[in-house]
Amino acid sequence: MDLKETPQEKRERLRMNELKNNPTGSLNDGLNQGTNSSLGDLVGMGWKGTGILILVLVIGYVIYRLITG
């Protein structure tokens, strides 16, 4: 059974190979991450996960305010 590599797996494999071949490049990427990435990359989850996280934080704050008066 021949399993095809998904685009995400291919990207991850290529990224790992690049890190092995060019370790100082990852340092430069880390220093310049703010200019090269989006909020989704920073959070590490998709837009649905980010939305759920924000929703949980808002609901938690509302419950906190109801309990403390």
N, C-alpha and C. Protein backbone atom coordinates (compact mmCIF):
# COMPACT_ATOMS: atom_id res chain seq x y z
N MET A 1 0.84 -1.17 0.00
CA MET A 1 0.00 0.00 0.00
C MET A 1 0.89 1.24 0.00
N ASP A 2 0.79 2.05 -1.02
CA ASP A 2 1.62 3.23 -1.18
C ASP A 2 0.92 4.44 -0.57
N LEU A 3 1.50 4.98 0.51
CA LEU A 3 0.92 6.14 1.18
C LEU A 3 1.53 7.41 0.61
N LYS A 4 0.69 8.35 0.19
CA LYS A 4 1.18 9.62 -0.34
C LYS A 4 1.39 10.59 0.81
N GLU A 5 2.39 11.42 0.66
CA GLU A 5 2.71 12.41 1.66
C GLU A 5 1.79 13.62 1.48
N THR A 6 1.20 14.08 2.57
CA THR A 6 0.34 15.26 2.49
C THR A 6 1.21 16.50 2.33
N PRO A 7 0.65 17.60 1.85
CA PRO A 7 1.44 18.82 1.71
C PRO A 7 2.03 19.30 3.04
N GLN A 8 1.28 19.13 4.12
CA GLN A 8 1.79 19.55 5.44
C GLN A 8 2.98 18.70 5.85
N GLU A 9 2.91 17.40 5.61
CA GLU A 9 4.03 16.52 5.94
C GLU A 9 5.25 16.85 5.09
N LYS A 10 5.02 17.17 3.82
CA LYS A 10 6.13 17.52 2.93
C LYS A 10 6.80 18.81 3.39
N ARG A 11 5.98 19.82 3.76
CA ARG A 11 6.55 21.07 4.26
C ARG A 11 7.38 20.83 5.51
N GLU A 12 6.85 20.02 6.43
CA GLU A 12 7.56 19.74 7.67
C GLU A 12 8.87 19.01 7.39
N ARG A 13 8.85 18.05 6.48
CA ARG A 13 10.07 17.31 6.13
C ARG A 13 11.10 18.25 5.52
N LEU A 14 10.66 19.12 4.60
CA LEU A 14 11.58 20.07 3.99
C LEU A 14 12.14 21.06 5.02
N ARG A 15 11.30 21.47 5.96
CA ARG A 15 11.75 22.39 7.00
C ARG A 15 12.80 21.75 7.89
N MET A 16 12.58 20.49 8.24
CA MET A 16 13.54 19.77 9.08
C MET A 16 14.88 19.60 8.35
N ASN A 17 14.82 19.29 7.06
CA ASN A 17 16.04 19.16 6.27
C ASN A 17 16.79 20.49 6.22
N GLU A 18 16.05 21.59 6.06
CA GLU A 18 16.68 22.91 6.02
C GLU A 18 17.34 23.23 7.36
N LEU A 19 16.68 22.87 8.46
CA LEU A 19 17.28 23.12 9.78
C LEU A 19 18.56 22.33 9.97
N LYS A 20 18.60 21.10 9.46
CA LYS A 20 19.81 20.29 9.57
C LYS A 20 20.93 20.88 8.73
N ASN A 21 20.61 21.36 7.54
CA ASN A 21 21.63 21.85 6.62
C ASN A 21 22.07 23.28 6.92
N ASN A 22 21.25 24.07 7.58
CA ASN A 22 21.55 25.48 7.79
C ASN A 22 21.08 25.91 9.18
N PRO A 23 21.79 25.53 10.25
CA PRO A 23 21.33 25.86 11.59
C PRO A 23 21.33 27.36 11.90
N THR A 24 22.22 28.13 11.31
CA THR A 24 22.23 29.57 11.59
C THR A 24 21.06 30.28 10.91
N GLY A 25 20.53 29.67 9.87
CA GLY A 25 19.36 30.25 9.21
C GLY A 25 18.16 30.28 10.13
N SER A 26 18.03 29.27 10.98
CA SER A 26 16.91 29.24 11.91
C SER A 26 17.05 30.34 12.96
N LEU A 27 18.28 30.69 13.33
CA LEU A 27 18.49 31.79 14.27
C LEU A 27 18.01 33.10 13.64
N ASN A 28 18.37 33.31 12.38
CA ASN A 28 17.93 34.50 11.67
C ASN A 28 16.42 34.53 11.54
N ASP A 29 15.80 33.38 11.25
CA ASP A 29 14.34 33.31 11.16
C ASP A 29 13.70 33.67 12.49
N GLY A 30 14.29 33.21 13.58
CA GLY A 30 13.74 33.51 14.89
C GLY A 30 13.82 34.98 15.24
N LEU A 31 14.92 35.62 14.84
CA LEU A 31 15.09 37.05 15.13
C LEU A 31 14.16 37.90 14.28
N ASN A 32 13.83 37.45 13.09
CA ASN A 32 12.99 38.22 12.19
C ASN A 32 11.59 37.65 12.06
N GLN A 33 11.15 36.88 13.02
CA GLN A 33 9.85 36.21 12.92
C GLN A 33 8.70 37.21 12.86
N GLY A 34 8.81 38.30 13.55
CA GLY A 34 7.73 39.28 13.58
C GLY A 34 7.44 39.88 12.22
N THR A 35 8.44 39.97 11.38
CA THR A 35 8.23 40.56 10.06
C THR A 35 7.87 39.53 9.01
N ASN A 36 8.07 38.25 9.31
CA ASN A 36 7.88 37.21 8.30
C ASN A 36 6.69 36.30 8.54
N SER A 37 5.99 36.46 9.64
CA SER A 37 4.94 35.50 9.96
C SER A 37 3.63 36.21 10.26
N SER A 38 2.59 35.40 10.32
CA SER A 38 1.27 35.93 10.66
C SER A 38 0.91 35.49 12.08
N LEU A 39 -0.21 35.96 12.57
CA LEU A 39 -0.66 35.60 13.90
C LEU A 39 -0.92 34.11 14.01
N GLY A 40 -1.43 33.51 12.95
CA GLY A 40 -1.68 32.06 12.96
C GLY A 40 -0.41 31.26 13.14
N ASP A 41 0.69 31.70 12.53
CA ASP A 41 1.96 31.03 12.71
C ASP A 41 2.46 31.17 14.14
N LEU A 42 2.25 32.34 14.71
CA LEU A 42 2.71 32.59 16.07
C LEU A 42 1.95 31.75 17.08
N VAL A 43 0.67 31.63 16.91
CA VAL A 43 -0.16 30.86 17.85
C VAL A 43 0.07 29.37 17.67
N GLY A 44 0.29 28.93 16.45
CA GLY A 44 0.56 27.53 16.19
C GLY A 44 -0.68 26.70 15.94
N MET A 45 -1.80 27.33 15.79
CA MET A 45 -3.03 26.60 15.47
C MET A 45 -3.77 27.38 14.39
N GLY A 46 -4.74 26.76 13.81
CA GLY A 46 -5.50 27.41 12.74
C GLY A 46 -6.42 28.49 13.27
N TRP A 47 -7.17 29.07 12.36
CA TRP A 47 -8.06 30.16 12.75
C TRP A 47 -9.18 29.68 13.66
N LYS A 48 -9.58 28.42 13.51
CA LYS A 48 -10.63 27.89 14.39
C LYS A 48 -10.12 27.77 15.82
N GLY A 49 -8.92 27.26 15.97
CA GLY A 49 -8.32 27.12 17.30
C GLY A 49 -8.12 28.46 17.97
N THR A 50 -7.67 29.45 17.20
CA THR A 50 -7.48 30.79 17.74
C THR A 50 -8.82 31.38 18.18
N GLY A 51 -9.86 31.18 17.37
CA GLY A 51 -11.18 31.68 17.73
C GLY A 51 -11.72 31.03 18.99
N ILE A 52 -11.52 29.73 19.11
CA ILE A 52 -11.98 29.02 20.31
C ILE A 52 -11.23 29.51 21.54
N LEU A 53 -9.92 29.73 21.41
CA LEU A 53 -9.13 30.23 22.52
C LEU A 53 -9.63 31.60 22.97
N ILE A 54 -9.89 32.49 22.04
CA ILE A 54 -10.41 33.82 22.38
C ILE A 54 -11.78 33.71 23.04
N LEU A 55 -12.64 32.84 22.52
CA LEU A 55 -13.97 32.65 23.08
C LEU A 55 -13.89 32.13 24.52
N VAL A 56 -13.01 31.17 24.77
CA VAL A 56 -12.84 30.63 26.13
C VAL A 56 -12.34 31.71 27.07
N LEU A 57 -11.41 32.54 26.61
CA LEU A 57 -10.91 33.62 27.46
C LEU A 57 -12.01 34.63 27.79
N VAL A 58 -12.83 34.98 26.83
CA VAL A 58 -13.92 35.94 27.07
C VAL A 58 -14.94 35.34 28.03
N ILE A 59 -15.34 34.10 27.82
CA ILE A 59 -16.31 33.45 28.70
C ILE A 59 -15.74 33.33 30.11
N GLY A 60 -14.46 32.98 30.22
CA GLY A 60 -13.81 32.90 31.54
C GLY A 60 -13.82 34.23 32.25
N TYR A 61 -13.57 35.31 31.52
CA TYR A 61 -13.58 36.64 32.11
C TYR A 61 -14.98 37.02 32.59
N VAL A 62 -15.99 36.71 31.80
CA VAL A 62 -17.38 37.02 32.19
C VAL A 62 -17.75 36.24 33.46
N ILE A 63 -17.41 34.99 33.52
CA ILE A 63 -17.70 34.18 34.72
C ILE A 63 -16.95 34.74 35.93
N TYR A 64 -15.69 35.13 35.73
CA TYR A 64 -14.91 35.73 36.82
C TYR A 64 -15.57 36.99 37.35
N ARG A 65 -16.05 37.85 36.44
CA ARG A 65 -16.70 39.09 36.86
C ARG A 65 -18.02 38.83 37.58
N LEU A 66 -18.75 37.77 37.16
CA LEU A 66 -20.01 37.42 37.83
C LEU A 66 -19.76 36.91 39.23
N ILE A 67 -18.69 36.15 39.42
CA ILE A 67 -18.40 35.56 40.73
C ILE A 67 -17.88 36.64 41.69
N THR A 68 -17.00 37.53 41.21
CA THR A 68 -16.41 38.52 42.11
C THR A 68 -17.31 39.73 42.33
N GLY A 69 -18.40 39.82 41.63
CA GLY A 69 -19.36 40.88 41.89
C GLY A 69 -19.16 42.02 41.00
